[in-house]
Amino acid sequence: MEPGPPGSSRPTEPGPCLSAQRGADQAASASLQRAARAQPGRQPLAVAAVLPAGGCGERMGVPTPKQFCPILGRPLISYTLQALERVCWIKDIVVAVTGENMEVMKSIIQKYQHKRVSLVEAGVTRHRSIFSGLKALAEDQLNCKLSKPEIVIIHDAVRPFVEEDILLKVVTAAKEHGAAGAIRPLVSTVISPSTDGCLDHSLERARHRASEMPQAFLFDVIYEAYQQCSDYDLEFGTECLQLALKYCGTKAKLVEGSPDLWKVTYKRDLYAAESIIKERISQEICVVTDTEEDNKHHVKVTSEALCHASRDLQQIILDQCYNFVCVNVMTSDFQETQKLLSMLEESNLSFLYPVVVISVHFLDFKLVPPSQKMENLMLIREFAKEVKKRNIWLCGLLISYPQDEQKRQESLRQGAIVIASLIKERNSGLIGQLLIA
């Protein structure tokens, strides 16, 4: 398929990438497609993206640059690249990284199977890094897989939650106006201090906006602006829209963005980002049981009998469900759980996100001594140690199953609460543990 704004993306974000949102994105894509083809013989827009990723993360207060800080074991920049790769009409993604981090970035691209990504060496400032990325797109070199785009998107490597909708909006606006950028309302009032540290004046918050990312430009506009840019602006400037205005006279169209455009800046932002990602990948649970009877104690699950519906289960894996509850009813060991783990390992599903597998077993403690049952179940530690290498997080849950109906229902409710917590929290410290409900 020819990359260019017309077209819809194939979502790789798991969870409820629901039909309503997907329909809105497809409608926006179709609208842009019609605009791009309005002129007879007009080719779809060629769009590329530049990500400056040369920062040292000084404000983060950690030795690792923030773009490489892990979230659920995966570097932050990988999530941002994934968000851009979801958008099939972005042809090339150029990442500017420092020479010392070049090999680290190459390993990230290889490990997480990123496509359409090229690397250039970053400059000592943000603007110089962006300029390096633009030069790579502008230069028509032999054996170079990059080509000059009509529109270029500039985005931050540490804004992982950008959606196709806002990318479409800034690209469409840039095509018409030459430049466009996302904005958000100011959260705090901006004040200007005097030289003696006293208040000089304050800005009226309602009249001003915070400049966010992404931004988009006609390539020739922003490239010319950087070529003319003074050393002072390259050294101390931070606003690309201002460069287009100052050096090319291009007034950017400002596009209202969503709250998801926030930037990971401080250490606490890493925890917030992790919480959002956990929430997204915890929405769907696949319950696998060794009987044909559905588990009725979960509210929002897909239930499949492993021994009778392996094809359906494979489809669920392909649809990127990252949470599995293997209910062992007919067997007292890990046969069914092992079958599931084998399928997950073969699928390579877990290379992007950790897959949580909970092996559930039942026991009437009055009829069977817990020690007798748990002796077999403690083998879960060995299984968990092995599959953890493939980013599959396995733990066990032993649920009391008494004869009394009321006590049994209460035990099942407690089990459901434990399962929901294990999936939502994704605590690596519980890998290989056998819990009792």
Protein backbone atom coordinates (compact mmCIF):
# COMPACT_ATOMS: atom_id res chain seq x y z
CA MET A 1 0.00 0.00 0.00
CA GLU A 2 1.31 3.45 -0.89
CA PRO A 3 1.91 5.39 2.34
CA GLY A 4 0.16 8.71 2.61
CA PRO A 5 -2.58 10.20 4.75
CA PRO A 6 -5.37 8.32 2.96
CA GLY A 7 -5.96 5.05 4.71
CA SER A 8 -6.65 3.73 8.16
CA SER A 9 -4.20 2.26 10.61
CA ARG A 10 -4.02 -1.28 11.93
CA PRO A 11 -4.15 -0.77 15.69
CA THR A 12 -1.48 -2.58 17.64
CA GLU A 13 -2.52 -1.13 20.97
CA PRO A 14 -4.39 -3.85 22.83
CA GLY A 15 -7.53 -3.52 24.87
CA PRO A 16 -10.70 -1.76 23.84
CA CYS A 17 -9.62 -0.09 20.63
CA LEU A 18 -13.38 0.08 20.33
CA SER A 19 -15.45 0.31 17.23
CA ALA A 20 -16.71 3.81 17.96
CA GLN A 21 -13.21 5.29 18.18
CA ARG A 22 -12.02 3.17 15.31
CA GLY A 23 -14.94 4.37 13.22
CA ALA A 24 -14.10 7.99 13.99
CA ASP A 25 -10.47 7.45 13.00
CA GLN A 26 -11.49 5.75 9.75
CA ALA A 27 -13.88 8.57 8.93
CA ALA A 28 -11.10 11.11 9.49
CA SER A 29 -8.75 9.07 7.32
CA ALA A 30 -11.36 8.86 4.56
CA SER A 31 -11.86 12.62 4.73
CA LEU A 32 -8.14 13.24 4.34
CA GLN A 33 -8.02 10.73 1.51
CA ARG A 34 -10.64 12.68 -0.42
CA ALA A 35 -8.72 15.91 0.20
CA ALA A 36 -5.46 14.39 -0.98
CA ARG A 37 -7.08 13.15 -4.18
CA ALA A 38 -9.08 16.24 -4.92
CA GLN A 39 -6.87 17.14 -7.87
CA PRO A 40 -6.80 14.77 -10.85
CA GLY A 41 -3.59 12.79 -11.02
CA ARG A 42 -2.61 13.94 -7.52
CA GLN A 43 -0.56 11.36 -5.60
CA PRO A 44 -1.28 10.70 -1.90
CA LEU A 45 0.69 12.90 0.44
CA ALA A 46 4.13 11.63 1.38
CA VAL A 47 4.43 12.00 5.16
CA ALA A 48 7.45 11.36 7.38
CA ALA A 49 8.10 11.92 11.08
CA VAL A 50 11.15 13.18 12.99
CA LEU A 51 11.69 12.31 16.66
CA PRO A 52 14.45 14.14 18.54
CA ALA A 53 15.69 11.67 21.14
CA GLY A 54 19.07 13.05 22.17
CA GLY A 55 18.11 14.45 25.57
CA CYS A 56 19.85 13.39 28.77
CA GLY A 57 16.73 13.52 30.96
CA GLU A 58 18.21 15.94 33.49
CA ARG A 59 14.80 16.80 35.00
CA MET A 60 14.00 13.09 35.41
CA GLY A 61 16.73 12.79 38.01
CA VAL A 62 17.83 9.29 36.89
CA PRO A 63 21.07 8.22 35.15
CA THR A 64 19.23 6.71 32.16
CA PRO A 65 17.93 9.21 29.57
CA LYS A 66 14.16 9.28 29.99
CA GLN A 67 13.45 8.05 26.46
CA PHE A 68 15.21 4.80 27.38
CA CYS A 69 13.64 4.38 30.84
CA PRO A 70 11.75 1.06 31.04
CA ILE A 71 8.00 0.77 31.46
CA LEU A 72 6.95 -2.83 32.07
CA GLY A 73 10.46 -3.74 31.00
CA ARG A 74 10.26 -1.94 27.66
CA PRO A 75 11.92 1.42 26.83
CA LEU A 76 9.61 4.42 26.70
CA ILE A 77 10.67 5.37 23.16
CA SER A 78 9.49 1.99 21.89
CA TYR A 79 5.91 2.86 22.90
CA THR A 80 6.15 6.15 21.00
CA LEU A 81 7.47 4.41 17.90
CA GLN A 82 4.65 1.89 18.15
CA ALA A 83 2.09 4.70 18.26
CA LEU A 84 3.52 6.18 15.05
CA GLU A 85 3.84 2.80 13.35
CA ARG A 86 0.14 2.21 13.87
CA VAL A 87 -0.42 5.01 11.35
CA CYS A 88 0.18 3.29 8.02
CA TRP A 89 0.40 6.55 6.03
CA ILE A 90 3.55 7.71 7.85
CA LYS A 91 6.17 6.47 5.41
CA ASP A 92 9.39 7.08 7.35
CA ILE A 93 10.26 7.70 10.99
CA VAL A 94 13.63 9.36 11.63
CA VAL A 95 14.97 9.20 15.19
CA ALA A 96 17.85 11.45 16.24
CA VAL A 97 19.93 9.88 19.03
CA THR A 98 23.37 10.63 20.42
CA GLY A 99 26.33 8.64 19.18
CA GLU A 100 26.76 6.96 22.56
CA ASN A 101 23.16 5.68 22.44
CA MET A 102 23.15 4.65 18.79
CA GLU A 103 23.74 0.95 19.52
CA VAL A 104 21.14 0.99 22.31
CA MET A 105 18.59 2.39 19.87
CA LYS A 106 19.48 -0.18 17.22
CA SER A 107 18.93 -2.99 19.72
CA ILE A 108 15.53 -1.55 20.67
CA ILE A 109 14.47 -1.44 17.02
CA GLN A 110 15.55 -5.03 16.53
CA LYS A 111 14.12 -6.44 19.76
CA TYR A 112 10.69 -4.84 19.39
CA GLN A 113 10.56 -5.29 15.61
CA HIS A 114 10.07 -1.64 14.72
CA LYS A 115 9.65 -0.88 11.05
CA ARG A 116 10.18 2.21 8.89
CA VAL A 117 12.65 3.62 11.44
CA SER A 118 15.96 5.28 10.46
CA LEU A 119 18.57 6.66 12.83
CA VAL A 120 20.65 9.84 12.61
CA GLU A 121 23.06 11.35 15.09
CA ALA A 122 21.50 13.96 17.34
CA GLY A 123 22.84 17.46 17.85
CA VAL A 124 23.69 19.01 21.19
CA THR A 125 20.30 20.79 21.39
CA ARG A 126 16.74 19.91 20.48
CA HIS A 127 16.68 22.14 17.39
CA ARG A 128 19.99 20.77 16.15
CA SER A 129 18.66 17.21 16.55
CA ILE A 130 15.54 18.05 14.56
CA PHE A 131 17.70 19.70 11.90
CA SER A 132 19.73 16.47 11.62
CA GLY A 133 16.53 14.53 11.02
CA LEU A 134 15.34 16.99 8.38
CA LYS A 135 18.70 16.84 6.58
CA ALA A 136 18.43 13.06 6.38
CA LEU A 137 15.03 13.41 4.69
CA ALA A 138 16.17 16.19 2.37
CA GLU A 139 19.33 14.60 1.04
CA ASP A 140 18.75 12.40 -1.99
CA GLN A 141 21.60 9.95 -1.61
CA LEU A 142 22.24 6.73 -3.51
CA ASN A 143 21.24 3.57 -1.64
CA CYS A 144 19.31 5.71 0.84
CA LYS A 145 15.87 4.37 1.70
CA LEU A 146 14.63 7.83 2.72
CA SER A 147 13.00 10.26 0.33
CA LYS A 148 11.89 13.84 0.79
CA PRO A 149 8.29 14.02 2.07
CA GLU A 150 5.72 16.67 1.34
CA ILE A 151 4.71 16.88 5.00
CA VAL A 152 6.89 16.19 8.02
CA ILE A 153 5.60 15.53 11.53
CA ILE A 154 7.78 16.53 14.48
CA HIS A 155 7.00 14.69 17.68
CA ASP A 156 8.65 14.02 21.04
CA ALA A 157 10.13 10.60 21.78
CA VAL A 158 8.65 10.82 25.29
CA ARG A 159 5.00 11.39 24.33
CA PRO A 160 3.89 7.77 23.87
CA PHE A 161 0.12 8.23 23.79
CA VAL A 162 -0.31 10.19 20.56
CA GLU A 163 -3.30 9.01 18.53
CA GLU A 164 -3.88 8.96 14.78
CA ASP A 165 -6.73 11.44 15.13
CA ILE A 166 -4.51 14.35 16.22
CA LEU A 167 -1.82 13.36 13.71
CA LEU A 168 -4.41 13.57 10.94
CA LYS A 169 -5.56 16.96 12.14
CA VAL A 170 -2.12 18.58 12.23
CA VAL A 171 -1.12 17.06 8.88
CA THR A 172 -4.32 18.27 7.24
CA ALA A 173 -3.87 21.75 8.73
CA ALA A 174 -0.20 21.88 7.72
CA LYS A 175 -1.10 21.00 4.14
CA GLU A 176 -3.41 24.02 4.04
CA HIS A 177 -1.49 26.53 6.19
CA GLY A 178 2.12 25.39 5.89
CA ALA A 179 2.47 24.63 9.60
CA ALA A 180 0.26 23.34 12.41
CA GLY A 181 0.67 22.29 16.02
CA ALA A 182 -1.30 20.80 18.87
CA ILE A 183 -2.16 23.05 21.81
CA ARG A 184 -3.73 22.58 25.24
CA PRO A 185 -5.23 25.01 27.78
CA LEU A 186 -2.79 26.32 30.36
CA VAL A 187 -3.06 24.58 33.71
CA SER A 188 -1.26 27.28 35.69
CA THR A 189 -1.03 31.02 35.24
CA VAL A 190 2.22 32.19 33.62
CA ILE A 191 3.99 35.07 35.36
CA SER A 192 7.05 37.10 34.44
CA PRO A 193 9.48 38.01 37.25
CA SER A 194 11.56 41.15 37.32
CA THR A 195 15.36 41.11 37.64
CA ASP A 196 15.10 41.49 41.42
CA GLY A 197 12.89 38.40 41.73
CA CYS A 198 9.60 40.23 42.16
CA LEU A 199 6.48 39.94 40.03
CA ASP A 200 6.65 42.06 36.90
CA HIS A 201 3.40 40.96 35.24
CA SER A 202 1.21 37.94 34.64
CA LEU A 203 -0.46 36.62 31.49
CA GLU A 204 -4.19 36.21 31.17
CA ARG A 205 -4.48 32.44 31.23
CA ALA A 206 -7.66 32.28 29.15
CA ARG A 207 -5.94 34.03 26.22
CA HIS A 208 -2.87 31.78 26.07
CA ARG A 209 -2.25 28.11 25.33
CA ALA A 210 0.45 25.54 25.98
CA SER A 211 2.25 24.36 22.86
CA GLU A 212 2.28 20.58 22.64
CA MET A 213 3.31 17.91 20.16
CA PRO A 214 2.78 16.67 17.49
CA GLN A 215 3.45 19.47 15.03
CA ALA A 216 3.41 19.19 11.23
CA PHE A 217 4.88 21.28 8.42
CA LEU A 218 5.20 21.45 4.71
CA PHE A 219 8.69 20.01 4.47
CA ASP A 220 10.06 22.85 2.33
CA VAL A 221 8.82 25.41 4.87
CA ILE A 222 10.38 23.94 8.00
CA TYR A 223 13.59 22.87 6.21
CA GLU A 224 14.11 26.39 4.89
CA ALA A 225 13.46 27.79 8.36
CA TYR A 226 16.16 25.58 9.86
CA GLN A 227 18.59 26.41 7.08
CA GLN A 228 18.17 30.14 7.83
CA CYS A 229 18.04 29.70 11.59
CA SER A 230 20.55 31.66 13.66
CA ASP A 231 23.01 29.89 15.94
CA TYR A 232 21.26 31.52 18.89
CA ASP A 233 17.89 30.03 17.96
CA LEU A 234 19.44 26.62 17.27
CA GLU A 235 21.11 26.73 20.66
CA PHE A 236 18.39 28.15 22.88
CA GLY A 237 15.10 27.86 20.98
CA THR A 238 12.53 25.13 21.63
CA GLU A 239 9.51 26.08 19.47
CA CYS A 240 9.47 24.81 15.87
CA LEU A 241 6.30 26.78 15.01
CA GLN A 242 8.10 29.98 15.94
CA LEU A 243 10.94 29.18 13.53
CA ALA A 244 8.48 28.73 10.65
CA LEU A 245 6.93 32.10 11.51
CA LYS A 246 10.21 33.96 12.08
CA TYR A 247 12.16 32.73 9.06
CA CYS A 248 9.44 31.86 6.52
CA GLY A 249 6.52 34.06 7.58
CA THR A 250 4.32 30.96 7.95
CA LYS A 251 1.60 31.33 10.57
CA ALA A 252 0.83 27.96 12.06
CA LYS A 253 -2.71 26.68 12.47
CA LEU A 254 -3.28 25.75 16.11
CA VAL A 255 -5.18 22.51 16.73
CA GLU A 256 -6.79 21.68 20.07
CA GLY A 257 -5.24 18.46 21.38
CA SER A 258 -6.41 15.86 23.88
CA PRO A 259 -5.11 15.37 27.45
CA ASP A 260 -3.20 12.29 26.22
CA LEU A 261 -0.51 14.49 24.65
CA TRP A 262 1.35 15.03 27.90
CA LYS A 263 5.10 14.58 28.02
CA VAL A 264 6.99 12.23 30.32
CA THR A 265 9.29 14.70 32.07
CA TYR A 266 9.66 13.74 35.73
CA LYS A 267 10.09 10.42 37.47
CA ARG A 268 6.48 10.45 38.64
CA ASP A 269 5.41 10.64 34.99
CA LEU A 270 6.91 7.21 34.41
CA TYR A 271 4.57 5.75 37.01
CA ALA A 272 1.62 7.55 35.43
CA ALA A 273 2.55 6.24 31.99
CA GLU A 274 2.91 2.71 33.36
CA SER A 275 -0.52 2.96 34.98
CA ILE A 276 -2.11 4.03 31.68
CA ILE A 277 -0.44 1.20 29.77
CA LYS A 278 -1.47 -1.36 32.38
CA GLU A 279 -5.05 -0.12 32.19
CA ARG A 280 -5.09 -0.44 28.39
CA ILE A 281 -3.74 -3.97 28.25
CA SER A 282 -5.89 -5.24 31.15
CA GLN A 283 -9.26 -4.61 29.55
CA GLU A 284 -9.72 -8.02 27.94
CA ILE A 285 -9.34 -11.38 29.67
CA CYS A 286 -9.36 -14.75 27.93
CA VAL A 287 -10.56 -17.54 30.19
CA VAL A 288 -9.35 -20.95 29.05
CA THR A 289 -10.93 -23.99 30.67
CA ASP A 290 -10.52 -27.73 30.25
CA THR A 291 -14.30 -28.14 30.03
CA GLU A 292 -16.81 -26.84 27.52
CA GLU A 293 -18.68 -24.95 30.19
CA ASP A 294 -17.98 -21.23 30.33
CA ASN A 295 -16.71 -19.72 33.50
CA LYS A 296 -19.58 -17.55 34.73
CA HIS A 297 -17.83 -15.72 37.52
CA HIS A 298 -16.11 -13.11 35.37
CA VAL A 299 -17.80 -10.03 34.14
CA LYS A 300 -15.81 -9.22 31.01
CA VAL A 301 -14.13 -12.27 29.53
CA THR A 302 -13.76 -14.34 26.44
CA SER A 303 -14.02 -18.01 27.39
CA GLU A 304 -12.75 -20.85 25.24
CA ALA A 305 -12.26 -24.57 25.86
CA LEU A 306 -8.62 -25.19 25.06
CA CYS A 307 -8.96 -28.80 23.99
CA HIS A 308 -11.92 -28.11 21.68
CA ALA A 309 -11.27 -24.62 20.37
CA SER A 310 -7.56 -24.22 19.75
CA ARG A 311 -8.25 -22.40 16.48
CA ASP A 312 -10.47 -19.89 18.25
CA LEU A 313 -7.85 -19.43 20.95
CA GLN A 314 -5.19 -18.81 18.33
CA GLN A 315 -7.40 -16.10 16.88
CA ILE A 316 -7.74 -14.51 20.32
CA ILE A 317 -3.95 -14.51 20.61
CA LEU A 318 -3.67 -12.90 17.17
CA ASP A 319 -6.17 -10.26 18.30
CA GLN A 320 -3.67 -9.42 21.04
CA CYS A 321 -5.23 -10.38 24.33
CA TYR A 322 -2.56 -10.07 27.01
CA ASN A 323 -4.36 -11.72 29.93
CA PHE A 324 -5.19 -15.41 30.26
CA VAL A 325 -6.90 -17.29 33.07
CA CYS A 326 -6.45 -21.05 32.67
CA VAL A 327 -9.13 -22.79 34.73
CA ASN A 328 -8.14 -26.38 35.54
CA VAL A 329 -11.34 -28.17 36.51
CA MET A 330 -10.96 -31.72 35.24
CA THR A 331 -7.23 -32.09 35.90
CA SER A 332 -5.23 -31.59 39.08
CA ASP A 333 -1.95 -30.68 37.42
CA PHE A 334 -0.71 -28.16 34.85
CA GLN A 335 -1.55 -30.01 31.64
CA GLU A 336 -3.95 -27.38 30.32
CA THR A 337 -1.77 -24.52 31.52
CA GLN A 338 1.21 -26.06 29.75
CA LYS A 339 -0.78 -26.30 26.50
CA LEU A 340 -1.67 -22.63 26.78
CA LEU A 341 1.91 -21.61 27.57
CA SER A 342 3.18 -23.52 24.54
CA MET A 343 0.72 -21.72 22.27
CA LEU A 344 1.69 -18.35 23.71
CA GLU A 345 5.40 -19.04 23.27
CA GLU A 346 4.87 -20.04 19.65
CA SER A 347 2.78 -16.94 18.97
CA ASN A 348 5.53 -14.46 19.98
CA LEU A 349 2.70 -12.32 21.42
CA SER A 350 4.71 -11.21 24.44
CA PHE A 351 7.53 -9.32 22.72
CA LEU A 352 5.67 -5.98 23.12
CA TYR A 353 3.89 -6.41 26.47
CA PRO A 354 4.17 -8.95 29.29
CA VAL A 355 1.44 -11.58 29.04
CA VAL A 356 -0.14 -12.52 32.37
CA VAL A 357 -1.21 -16.15 32.78
CA ILE A 358 -3.03 -17.25 35.94
CA SER A 359 -3.38 -21.00 36.45
CA VAL A 360 -6.51 -21.54 38.56
CA HIS A 361 -7.16 -24.73 40.54
CA PHE A 362 -9.95 -25.73 42.93
CA LEU A 363 -9.86 -27.70 46.17
CA ASP A 364 -12.24 -28.64 48.96
CA PHE A 365 -9.90 -28.26 51.90
CA LYS A 366 -12.08 -30.56 54.06
CA LEU A 367 -11.82 -33.48 51.62
CA VAL A 368 -8.24 -33.10 50.42
CA PRO A 369 -5.40 -31.84 52.63
CA PRO A 370 -3.97 -28.62 51.14
CA SER A 371 -0.42 -29.95 51.53
CA GLN A 372 -1.18 -32.87 49.20
CA LYS A 373 -2.56 -30.60 46.45
CA MET A 374 0.03 -27.88 46.85
CA GLU A 375 2.93 -30.29 46.53
CA ASN A 376 2.01 -30.77 42.85
CA LEU A 377 1.12 -27.13 42.31
CA MET A 378 4.45 -25.86 43.60
CA LEU A 379 5.89 -26.96 40.25
CA ILE A 380 4.52 -23.64 39.01
CA ARG A 381 7.77 -22.01 40.08
CA GLU A 382 9.77 -24.01 37.56
CA PHE A 383 7.28 -23.30 34.77
CA ALA A 384 7.21 -19.61 35.64
CA LYS A 385 11.01 -19.32 35.65
CA GLU A 386 11.17 -20.80 32.15
CA VAL A 387 8.39 -18.78 30.49
CA LYS A 388 9.50 -15.53 32.12
CA LYS A 389 12.37 -15.57 29.61
CA ARG A 390 9.69 -15.02 26.94
CA ASN A 391 8.00 -12.20 28.89
CA ILE A 392 5.15 -14.45 30.05
CA TRP A 393 4.29 -13.86 33.71
CA LEU A 394 2.82 -17.02 35.27
CA CYS A 395 1.36 -17.39 38.72
CA GLY A 396 -1.07 -19.83 40.35
CA LEU A 397 -4.31 -19.45 42.27
CA LEU A 398 -5.79 -22.15 44.47
CA ILE A 399 -9.46 -21.46 45.19
CA SER A 400 -11.29 -23.12 48.06
CA TYR A 401 -14.30 -25.02 46.70
CA PRO A 402 -16.42 -26.12 49.68
CA GLN A 403 -19.65 -28.11 49.47
CA ASP A 404 -21.68 -25.32 51.04
CA GLU A 405 -23.17 -23.20 48.23
CA GLN A 406 -22.97 -19.88 50.05
CA LYS A 407 -19.34 -20.42 51.09
CA ARG A 408 -18.48 -21.60 47.59
CA GLN A 409 -19.90 -18.47 45.98
CA GLU A 410 -18.01 -16.28 48.44
CA SER A 411 -14.79 -18.17 47.67
CA LEU A 412 -15.34 -17.72 43.93
CA ARG A 413 -15.96 -13.99 44.42
CA GLN A 414 -12.69 -13.69 46.34
CA GLY A 415 -10.93 -15.61 43.58
CA ALA A 416 -12.32 -13.24 40.96
CA ILE A 417 -11.07 -10.24 42.97
CA VAL A 418 -7.57 -11.76 43.21
CA ILE A 419 -7.52 -12.49 39.46
CA ALA A 420 -8.61 -8.95 38.58
CA SER A 421 -5.93 -7.50 40.87
CA LEU A 422 -3.17 -9.73 39.45
CA ILE A 423 -4.05 -8.67 35.91
CA LYS A 424 -4.44 -4.97 36.64
CA GLU A 425 -1.38 -4.56 38.85
CA ARG A 426 0.95 -6.81 36.81
CA ASN A 427 3.31 -7.21 39.74
CA SER A 428 6.45 -9.00 38.61
CA GLY A 429 7.17 -9.92 42.22
CA LEU A 430 4.32 -12.44 42.13
CA ILE A 431 5.69 -14.41 39.16
CA GLY A 432 5.86 -18.08 40.09
CA GLN A 433 3.85 -17.61 43.30
CA LEU A 434 0.91 -19.78 44.30
CA LEU A 435 -1.83 -17.73 45.95
CA ILE A 436 -4.81 -19.06 47.92
CA ALA A 437 -8.33 -17.59 47.83
